[in-house]
Amino acid sequence: MYYKAPDNALHFIEPAFAHMLPEGCTPITDAEAEALRPVPPAPAYKELRAAAYPPVADYLDAIIKGDEAQVRAYKDACLAVKAKYPKP
């Protein structure tokens, strides 16, 4: 069950343990709890880019092998990510 503290902090606890909550907490419905739950911010372009870039190991492998085509493919993949997630 959800409980709301006087400072609008949201608590989830079984009713049998409600006595452990801070003083002044009141039970609320799931809908009220959902309205109080903070919305996480959308990921910034930096996080999106970091997740989309190819592994650096692929680049190092290409360098060690001397495979120019693989190096070019890696660079092209990085440029595609930059184009997909441009700086604001």
PDB file of N, CA and C in Angstrom:
ATOM      1  N   MET A   1       0.844  -1.168   0.000  1.00  0.00           N
ATOM      2  CA  MET A   1       0.000   0.000   0.000  1.00  0.00           C
ATOM      3  C   MET A   1       0.893   1.237   0.000  1.00  0.00           C
ATOM      4  N   TYR A   2       0.428   2.281  -0.628  1.00  0.00           N
ATOM      5  CA  TYR A   2       1.168   3.530  -0.705  1.00  0.00           C
ATOM      6  C   TYR A   2       0.734   4.476   0.410  1.00  0.00           C
ATOM      7  N   TYR A   3       1.710   5.228   0.894  1.00  0.00           N
ATOM      8  CA  TYR A   3       1.447   6.244   1.907  1.00  0.00           C
ATOM      9  C   TYR A   3       2.141   7.519   1.489  1.00  0.00           C
ATOM     10  N   LYS A   4       1.514   8.651   1.837  1.00  0.00           N
ATOM     11  CA  LYS A   4       2.089   9.955   1.510  1.00  0.00           C
ATOM     12  C   LYS A   4       2.457  10.651   2.810  1.00  0.00           C
ATOM     13  N   ALA A   5       3.696  11.123   2.891  1.00  0.00           N
ATOM     14  CA  ALA A   5       4.163  11.870   4.057  1.00  0.00           C
ATOM     15  C   ALA A   5       3.737  13.329   3.908  1.00  0.00           C
ATOM     16  N   PRO A   6       3.756  14.082   4.998  1.00  0.00           N
ATOM     17  CA  PRO A   6       3.383  15.501   4.916  1.00  0.00           C
ATOM     18  C   PRO A   6       4.221  16.303   3.917  1.00  0.00           C
ATOM     19  N   ASP A   7       5.467  15.865   3.677  1.00  0.00           N
ATOM     20  CA  ASP A   7       6.323  16.574   2.705  1.00  0.00           C
ATOM     21  C   ASP A   7       6.168  16.020   1.289  1.00  0.00           C
ATOM     22  N   ASN A   8       5.097  15.235   1.053  1.00  0.00           N
ATOM     23  CA  ASN A   8       4.779  14.607  -0.241  1.00  0.00           C
ATOM     24  C   ASN A   8       5.732  13.484  -0.626  1.00  0.00           C
ATOM     25  N   ALA A   9       6.559  13.018   0.323  1.00  0.00           N
ATOM     26  CA  ALA A   9       7.397  11.846   0.046  1.00  0.00           C
ATOM     27  C   ALA A   9       6.483  10.637  -0.096  1.00  0.00           C
ATOM     28  N   LEU A  10       6.823   9.766  -1.005  1.00  0.00           N
ATOM     29  CA  LEU A  10       6.013   8.589  -1.294  1.00  0.00           C
ATOM     30  C   LEU A  10       6.645   7.359  -0.651  1.00  0.00           C
ATOM     31  N   HIS A  11       5.833   6.577   0.055  1.00  0.00           N
ATOM     32  CA  HIS A  11       6.304   5.363   0.721  1.00  0.00           C
ATOM     33  C   HIS A  11       5.435   4.191   0.277  1.00  0.00           C
ATOM     34  N   PHE A  12       6.050   3.036   0.085  1.00  0.00           N
ATOM     35  CA  PHE A  12       5.317   1.809  -0.208  1.00  0.00           C
ATOM     36  C   PHE A  12       5.680   0.799   0.864  1.00  0.00           C
ATOM     37  N   ILE A  13       4.682   0.344   1.588  1.00  0.00           N
ATOM     38  CA  ILE A  13       4.932  -0.592   2.682  1.00  0.00           C
ATOM     39  C   ILE A  13       3.657  -1.385   2.951  1.00  0.00           C
ATOM     40  N   GLU A  14       3.819  -2.597   3.446  1.00  0.00           N
ATOM     41  CA  GLU A  14       2.668  -3.420   3.813  1.00  0.00           C
ATOM     42  C   GLU A  14       1.938  -2.754   4.975  1.00  0.00           C
ATOM     43  N   PRO A  15       0.603  -2.793   4.984  1.00  0.00           N
ATOM     44  CA  PRO A  15      -0.155  -2.145   6.062  1.00  0.00           C
ATOM     45  C   PRO A  15       0.246  -2.608   7.457  1.00  0.00           C
ATOM     46  N   ALA A  16       0.681  -3.849   7.607  1.00  0.00           N
ATOM     47  CA  ALA A  16       1.076  -4.343   8.928  1.00  0.00           C
ATOM     48  C   ALA A  16       2.287  -3.599   9.486  1.00  0.00           C
ATOM     49  N   PHE A  17       3.061  -2.965   8.605  1.00  0.00           N
ATOM     50  CA  PHE A  17       4.259  -2.248   9.035  1.00  0.00           C
ATOM     51  C   PHE A  17       4.085  -0.731   8.963  1.00  0.00           C
ATOM     52  N   ALA A  18       2.856  -0.273   8.804  1.00  0.00           N
ATOM     53  CA  ALA A  18       2.585   1.161   8.674  1.00  0.00           C
ATOM     54  C   ALA A  18       3.023   1.939   9.906  1.00  0.00           C
ATOM     55  N   HIS A  19       3.076   1.289  11.057  1.00  0.00           N
ATOM     56  CA  HIS A  19       3.502   1.978  12.284  1.00  0.00           C
ATOM     57  C   HIS A  19       4.966   2.425  12.208  1.00  0.00           C
ATOM     58  N   MET A  20       5.715   1.888  11.240  1.00  0.00           N
ATOM     59  CA  MET A  20       7.124   2.247  11.090  1.00  0.00           C
ATOM     60  C   MET A  20       7.325   3.495  10.224  1.00  0.00           C
ATOM     61  N   LEU A  21       6.262   3.973   9.612  1.00  0.00           N
ATOM     62  CA  LEU A  21       6.355   5.148   8.741  1.00  0.00           C
ATOM     63  C   LEU A  21       6.535   6.422   9.561  1.00  0.00           C
ATOM     64  N   PRO A  22       7.047   7.471   8.931  1.00  0.00           N
ATOM     65  CA  PRO A  22       7.155   8.748   9.636  1.00  0.00           C
ATOM     66  C   PRO A  22       5.766   9.231  10.081  1.00  0.00           C
ATOM     67  N   GLU A  23       5.739  10.013  11.134  1.00  0.00           N
ATOM     68  CA  GLU A  23       4.472  10.521  11.658  1.00  0.00           C
ATOM     69  C   GLU A  23       3.781  11.409  10.624  1.00  0.00           C
ATOM     70  N   GLY A  24       2.489  11.255  10.518  1.00  0.00           N
ATOM     71  CA  GLY A  24       1.693  12.078   9.613  1.00  0.00           C
ATOM     72  C   GLY A  24       1.459  11.462   8.252  1.00  0.00           C
ATOM     73  N   CYS A  25       1.950  10.270   7.995  1.00  0.00           N
ATOM     74  CA  CYS A  25       1.731   9.596   6.704  1.00  0.00           C
ATOM     75  C   CYS A  25       0.282   9.140   6.601  1.00  0.00           C
ATOM     76  N   THR A  26      -0.282   9.315   5.425  1.00  0.00           N
ATOM     77  CA  THR A  26      -1.659   8.899   5.191  1.00  0.00           C
ATOM     78  C   THR A  26      -1.700   7.940   4.014  1.00  0.00           C
ATOM     79  N   PRO A  27      -2.602   6.948   4.053  1.00  0.00           N
ATOM     80  CA  PRO A  27      -2.714   6.028   2.925  1.00  0.00           C
ATOM     81  C   PRO A  27      -3.299   6.736   1.705  1.00  0.00           C
ATOM     82  N   ILE A  28      -2.805   6.373   0.522  1.00  0.00           N
ATOM     83  CA  ILE A  28      -3.320   6.953  -0.723  1.00  0.00           C
ATOM     84  C   ILE A  28      -3.550   5.829  -1.732  1.00  0.00           C
ATOM     85  N   THR A  29      -4.301   6.133  -2.769  1.00  0.00           N
ATOM     86  CA  THR A  29      -4.598   5.149  -3.809  1.00  0.00           C
ATOM     87  C   THR A  29      -3.422   5.021  -4.766  1.00  0.00           C
ATOM     88  N   ASP A  30      -3.466   3.982  -5.594  1.00  0.00           N
ATOM     89  CA  ASP A  30      -2.417   3.788  -6.602  1.00  0.00           C
ATOM     90  C   ASP A  30      -2.368   4.968  -7.570  1.00  0.00           C
ATOM     91  N   ALA A  31      -3.538   5.498  -7.947  1.00  0.00           N
ATOM     92  CA  ALA A  31      -3.592   6.629  -8.882  1.00  0.00           C
ATOM     93  C   ALA A  31      -2.941   7.867  -8.275  1.00  0.00           C
ATOM     94  N   GLU A  32      -3.188   8.108  -6.987  1.00  0.00           N
ATOM     95  CA  GLU A  32      -2.569   9.255  -6.319  1.00  0.00           C
ATOM     96  C   GLU A  32      -1.052   9.061  -6.217  1.00  0.00           C
ATOM     97  N   ALA A  33      -0.635   7.837  -5.953  1.00  0.00           N
ATOM     98  CA  ALA A  33       0.795   7.552  -5.879  1.00  0.00           C
ATOM     99  C   ALA A  33       1.462   7.765  -7.234  1.00  0.00           C
ATOM    100  N   GLU A  34       0.797   7.346  -8.293  1.00  0.00           N
ATOM    101  CA  GLU A  34       1.355   7.524  -9.644  1.00  0.00           C
ATOM    102  C   GLU A  34       1.529   9.001  -9.966  1.00  0.00           C
ATOM    103  N   ALA A  35       0.579   9.835  -9.504  1.00  0.00           N
ATOM    104  CA  ALA A  35       0.670  11.276  -9.750  1.00  0.00           C
ATOM    105  C   ALA A  35       1.837  11.898  -8.975  1.00  0.00           C
ATOM    106  N   LEU A  36       2.191  11.322  -7.824  1.00  0.00           N
ATOM    107  CA  LEU A  36       3.299  11.851  -7.018  1.00  0.00           C
ATOM    108  C   LEU A  36       4.661  11.359  -7.487  1.00  0.00           C
ATOM    109  N   ARG A  37       4.677  10.228  -8.191  1.00  0.00           N
ATOM    110  CA  ARG A  37       5.945   9.630  -8.618  1.00  0.00           C
ATOM    111  C   ARG A  37       6.635  10.554  -9.627  1.00  0.00           C
ATOM    112  N   PRO A  38       7.908  10.878  -9.370  1.00  0.00           N
ATOM    113  CA  PRO A  38       8.601  11.777 -10.295  1.00  0.00           C
ATOM    114  C   PRO A  38       8.844  11.112 -11.650  1.00  0.00           C
ATOM    115  N   VAL A  39       8.790  11.908 -12.685  1.00  0.00           N
ATOM    116  CA  VAL A  39       9.047  11.425 -14.044  1.00  0.00           C
ATOM    117  C   VAL A  39      10.534  11.572 -14.317  1.00  0.00           C
ATOM    118  N   PRO A  40      11.215  10.480 -14.659  1.00  0.00           N
ATOM    119  CA  PRO A  40      12.651  10.606 -14.930  1.00  0.00           C
ATOM    120  C   PRO A  40      12.885  11.447 -16.191  1.00  0.00           C
ATOM    121  N   PRO A  41      13.943  12.234 -16.184  1.00  0.00           N
ATOM    122  CA  PRO A  41      14.219  13.053 -17.369  1.00  0.00           C
ATOM    123  C   PRO A  41      14.605  12.175 -18.560  1.00  0.00           C
ATOM    124  N   ALA A  42      14.294  12.674 -19.734  1.00  0.00           N
ATOM    125  CA  ALA A  42      14.683  11.959 -20.957  1.00  0.00           C
ATOM    126  C   ALA A  42      16.203  11.958 -21.049  1.00  0.00           C
ATOM    127  N   PRO A  43      16.782  10.882 -21.554  1.00  0.00           N
ATOM    128  CA  PRO A  43      18.251  10.843 -21.631  1.00  0.00           C
ATOM    129  C   PRO A  43      18.774  11.928 -22.575  1.00  0.00           C
ATOM    130  N   ALA A  44      19.876  12.516 -22.179  1.00  0.00           N
ATOM    131  CA  ALA A  44      20.513  13.550 -22.992  1.00  0.00           C
ATOM    132  C   ALA A  44      21.215  12.899 -24.176  1.00  0.00           C
ATOM    133  N   TYR A  45      21.572  13.713 -25.133  1.00  0.00           N
ATOM    134  CA  TYR A  45      22.207  13.178 -26.338  1.00  0.00           C
ATOM    135  C   TYR A  45      23.503  12.443 -25.997  1.00  0.00           C
ATOM    136  N   LYS A  46      24.190  12.857 -24.930  1.00  0.00           N
ATOM    137  CA  LYS A  46      25.444  12.198 -24.557  1.00  0.00           C
ATOM    138  C   LYS A  46      25.206  10.741 -24.171  1.00  0.00           C
ATOM    139  N   GLU A  47      24.148  10.500 -23.384  1.00  0.00           N
ATOM    140  CA  GLU A  47      23.842   9.124 -22.984  1.00  0.00           C
ATOM    141  C   GLU A  47      23.396   8.293 -24.186  1.00  0.00           C
ATOM    142  N   LEU A  48      22.605   8.908 -25.055  1.00  0.00           N
ATOM    143  CA  LEU A  48      22.137   8.189 -26.249  1.00  0.00           C
ATOM    144  C   LEU A  48      23.315   7.827 -27.153  1.00  0.00           C
ATOM    145  N   ARG A  49      24.220   8.777 -27.337  1.00  0.00           N
ATOM    146  CA  ARG A  49      25.394   8.507 -28.173  1.00  0.00           C
ATOM    147  C   ARG A  49      26.263   7.411 -27.567  1.00  0.00           C
ATOM    148  N   ALA A  50      26.516   7.513 -26.270  1.00  0.00           N
ATOM    149  CA  ALA A  50      27.390   6.539 -25.610  1.00  0.00           C
ATOM    150  C   ALA A  50      26.848   5.122 -25.761  1.00  0.00           C
ATOM    151  N   ALA A  51      25.540   4.973 -25.681  1.00  0.00           N
ATOM    152  CA  ALA A  51      24.934   3.643 -25.801  1.00  0.00           C
ATOM    153  C   ALA A  51      24.958   3.135 -27.242  1.00  0.00           C
ATOM    154  N   ALA A  52      24.976   4.047 -28.207  1.00  0.00           N
ATOM    155  CA  ALA A  52      24.869   3.649 -29.615  1.00  0.00           C
ATOM    156  C   ALA A  52      26.221   3.455 -30.313  1.00  0.00           C
ATOM    157  N   TYR A  53      27.286   4.031 -29.759  1.00  0.00           N
ATOM    158  CA  TYR A  53      28.588   3.888 -30.413  1.00  0.00           C
ATOM    159  C   TYR A  53      29.015   2.419 -30.460  1.00  0.00           C
ATOM    160  N   PRO A  54      29.734   2.036 -31.518  1.00  0.00           N
ATOM    161  CA  PRO A  54      30.261   0.663 -31.570  1.00  0.00           C
ATOM    162  C   PRO A  54      31.358   0.486 -30.520  1.00  0.00           C
ATOM    163  N   PRO A  55      31.646  -0.737 -30.125  1.00  0.00           N
ATOM    164  CA  PRO A  55      32.681  -0.962 -29.110  1.00  0.00           C
ATOM    165  C   PRO A  55      34.067  -0.508 -29.591  1.00  0.00           C
ATOM    166  N   VAL A  56      34.820   0.095 -28.685  1.00  0.00           N
ATOM    167  CA  VAL A  56      36.171   0.565 -29.005  1.00  0.00           C
ATOM    168  C   VAL A  56      37.061  -0.618 -29.380  1.00  0.00           C
ATOM    169  N   ALA A  57      36.757  -1.791 -28.844  1.00  0.00           N
ATOM    170  CA  ALA A  57      37.552  -2.986 -29.159  1.00  0.00           C
ATOM    171  C   ALA A  57      37.548  -3.267 -30.659  1.00  0.00           C
ATOM    172  N   ASP A  58      36.451  -2.943 -31.334  1.00  0.00           N
ATOM    173  CA  ASP A  58      36.390  -3.136 -32.790  1.00  0.00           C
ATOM    174  C   ASP A  58      37.415  -2.251 -33.499  1.00  0.00           C
ATOM    175  N   TYR A  59      37.557  -1.018 -33.023  1.00  0.00           N
ATOM    176  CA  TYR A  59      38.513  -0.081 -33.614  1.00  0.00           C
ATOM    177  C   TYR A  59      39.947  -0.548 -33.360  1.00  0.00           C
ATOM    178  N   LEU A  60      40.207  -0.935 -32.113  1.00  0.00           N
ATOM    179  CA  LEU A  60      41.558  -1.402 -31.784  1.00  0.00           C
ATOM    180  C   LEU A  60      41.915  -2.658 -32.567  1.00  0.00           C
ATOM    181  N   ASP A  61      40.958  -3.540 -32.728  1.00  0.00           N
ATOM    182  CA  ASP A  61      41.176  -4.753 -33.509  1.00  0.00           C
ATOM    183  C   ASP A  61      41.551  -4.403 -34.950  1.00  0.00           C
ATOM    184  N   ALA A  62      40.859  -3.431 -35.521  1.00  0.00           N
ATOM    185  CA  ALA A  62      41.135  -3.023 -36.892  1.00  0.00           C
ATOM    186  C   ALA A  62      42.534  -2.417 -37.015  1.00  0.00           C
ATOM    187  N   ILE A  63      42.928  -1.628 -36.016  1.00  0.00           N
ATOM    188  CA  ILE A  63      44.263  -1.014 -36.037  1.00  0.00           C
ATOM    189  C   ILE A  63      45.348  -2.084 -35.941  1.00  0.00           C
ATOM    190  N   ILE A  64      45.170  -3.006 -35.010  1.00  0.00           N
ATOM    191  CA  ILE A  64      46.168  -4.063 -34.829  1.00  0.00           C
ATOM    192  C   ILE A  64      46.300  -4.904 -36.096  1.00  0.00           C
ATOM    193  N   LYS A  65      45.188  -5.206 -36.738  1.00  0.00           N
ATOM    194  CA  LYS A  65      45.202  -6.015 -37.961  1.00  0.00           C
ATOM    195  C   LYS A  65      45.677  -5.211 -39.166  1.00  0.00           C
ATOM    196  N   GLY A  66      45.642  -3.878 -39.058  1.00  0.00           N
ATOM    197  CA  GLY A  66      45.998  -3.043 -40.197  1.00  0.00           C
ATOM    198  C   GLY A  66      44.909  -3.059 -41.267  1.00  0.00           C
ATOM    199  N   ASP A  67      43.667  -3.313 -40.844  1.00  0.00           N
ATOM    200  CA  ASP A  67      42.526  -3.426 -41.770  1.00  0.00           C
ATOM    201  C   ASP A  67      41.881  -2.056 -41.959  1.00  0.00           C
ATOM    202  N   GLU A  68      42.288  -1.364 -43.021  1.00  0.00           N
ATOM    203  CA  GLU A  68      41.775  -0.015 -43.282  1.00  0.00           C
ATOM    204  C   GLU A  68      40.268  -0.010 -43.528  1.00  0.00           C
ATOM    205  N   ALA A  69      39.745  -1.059 -44.150  1.00  0.00           N
ATOM    206  CA  ALA A  69      38.302  -1.124 -44.407  1.00  0.00           C
ATOM    207  C   ALA A  69      37.526  -1.198 -43.088  1.00  0.00           C
ATOM    208  N   GLN A  70      38.045  -1.957 -42.130  1.00  0.00           N
ATOM    209  CA  GLN A  70      37.385  -2.084 -40.831  1.00  0.00           C
ATOM    210  C   GLN A  70      37.489  -0.766 -40.049  1.00  0.00           C
ATOM    211  N   VAL A  71      38.633  -0.070 -40.167  1.00  0.00           N
ATOM    212  CA  VAL A  71      38.783   1.233 -39.518  1.00  0.00           C
ATOM    213  C   VAL A  71      37.776   2.209 -40.106  1.00  0.00           C
ATOM    214  N   ARG A  72      37.661   2.205 -41.424  1.00  0.00           N
ATOM    215  CA  ARG A  72      36.716   3.107 -42.085  1.00  0.00           C
ATOM    216  C   ARG A  72      35.275   2.776 -41.674  1.00  0.00           C
ATOM    217  N   ALA A  73      34.953   1.486 -41.577  1.00  0.00           N
ATOM    218  CA  ALA A  73      33.613   1.079 -41.167  1.00  0.00           C
ATOM    219  C   ALA A  73      33.314   1.562 -39.744  1.00  0.00           C
ATOM    220  N   TYR A  74      34.313   1.479 -38.864  1.00  0.00           N
ATOM    221  CA  TYR A  74      34.144   1.949 -37.497  1.00  0.00           C
ATOM    222  C   TYR A  74      33.893   3.456 -37.473  1.00  0.00           C
ATOM    223  N   LYS A  75      34.701   4.189 -38.206  1.00  0.00           N
ATOM    224  CA  LYS A  75      34.526   5.647 -38.260  1.00  0.00           C
ATOM    225  C   LYS A  75      33.177   6.019 -38.846  1.00  0.00           C
ATOM    226  N   ASP A  76      32.748   5.307 -39.884  1.00  0.00           N
ATOM    227  CA  ASP A  76      31.438   5.569 -40.487  1.00  0.00           C
ATOM    228  C   ASP A  76      30.311   5.301 -39.495  1.00  0.00           C
ATOM    229  N   ALA A  77      30.462   4.238 -38.701  1.00  0.00           N
ATOM    230  CA  ALA A  77      29.453   3.925 -37.690  1.00  0.00           C
ATOM    231  C   ALA A  77      29.387   5.028 -36.636  1.00  0.00           C
ATOM    232  N   CYS A  78      30.540   5.551 -36.246  1.00  0.00           N
ATOM    233  CA  CYS A  78      30.577   6.650 -35.275  1.00  0.00           C
ATOM    234  C   CYS A  78      29.929   7.910 -35.846  1.00  0.00           C
ATOM    235  N   LEU A  79      30.214   8.208 -37.106  1.00  0.00           N
ATOM    236  CA  LEU A  79      29.608   9.385 -37.744  1.00  0.00           C
ATOM    237  C   LEU A  79      28.099   9.225 -37.878  1.00  0.00           C
ATOM    238  N   ALA A  80      27.639   8.006 -38.116  1.00  0.00           N
ATOM    239  CA  ALA A  80      26.191   7.760 -38.203  1.00  0.00           C
ATOM    240  C   ALA A  80      25.519   8.007 -36.857  1.00  0.00           C
ATOM    241  N   VAL A  81      26.192   7.624 -35.789  1.00  0.00           N
ATOM    242  CA  VAL A  81      25.645   7.869 -34.446  1.00  0.00           C
ATOM    243  C   VAL A  81      25.590   9.373 -34.188  1.00  0.00           C
ATOM    244  N   LYS A  82      26.639  10.088 -34.556  1.00  0.00           N
ATOM    245  CA  LYS A  82      26.656  11.534 -34.371  1.00  0.00           C
ATOM    246  C   LYS A  82      25.535  12.205 -35.173  1.00  0.00           C
ATOM    247  N   ALA A  83      25.253  11.697 -36.347  1.00  0.00           N
ATOM    248  CA  ALA A  83      24.182  12.258 -37.157  1.00  0.00           C
ATOM    249  C   ALA A  83      22.804  11.941 -36.557  1.00  0.00           C
ATOM    250  N   LYS A  84      22.680  10.742 -35.987  1.00  0.00           N
ATOM    251  CA  LYS A  84      21.406  10.336 -35.403  1.00  0.00           C
ATOM    252  C   LYS A  84      21.105  11.108 -34.122  1.00  0.00           C
ATOM    253  N   TYR A  85      22.137  11.387 -33.325  1.00  0.00           N
ATOM    254  CA  TYR A  85      21.988  12.111 -32.053  1.00  0.00           C
ATOM    255  C   TYR A  85      22.859  13.363 -32.074  1.00  0.00           C
ATOM    256  N   PRO A  86      22.435  14.402 -32.797  1.00  0.00           N
ATOM    257  CA  PRO A  86      23.252  15.611 -32.912  1.00  0.00           C
ATOM    258  C   PRO A  86      23.304  16.385 -31.592  1.00  0.00           C
ATOM    259  N   LYS A  87      24.330  17.206 -31.440  1.00  0.00           N
ATOM    260  CA  LYS A  87      24.409  18.073 -30.279  1.00  0.00           C
ATOM    261  C   LYS A  87      23.250  19.065 -30.341  1.00  0.00           C
ATOM    262  N   PRO A  88      22.713  19.412 -29.186  1.00  0.00           N
ATOM    263  CA  PRO A  88      21.592  20.397 -29.207  1.00  0.00           C
ATOM    264  C   PRO A  88      22.051  21.781 -29.560  1.00  0.00           C
TER     265      PRO A  88
END
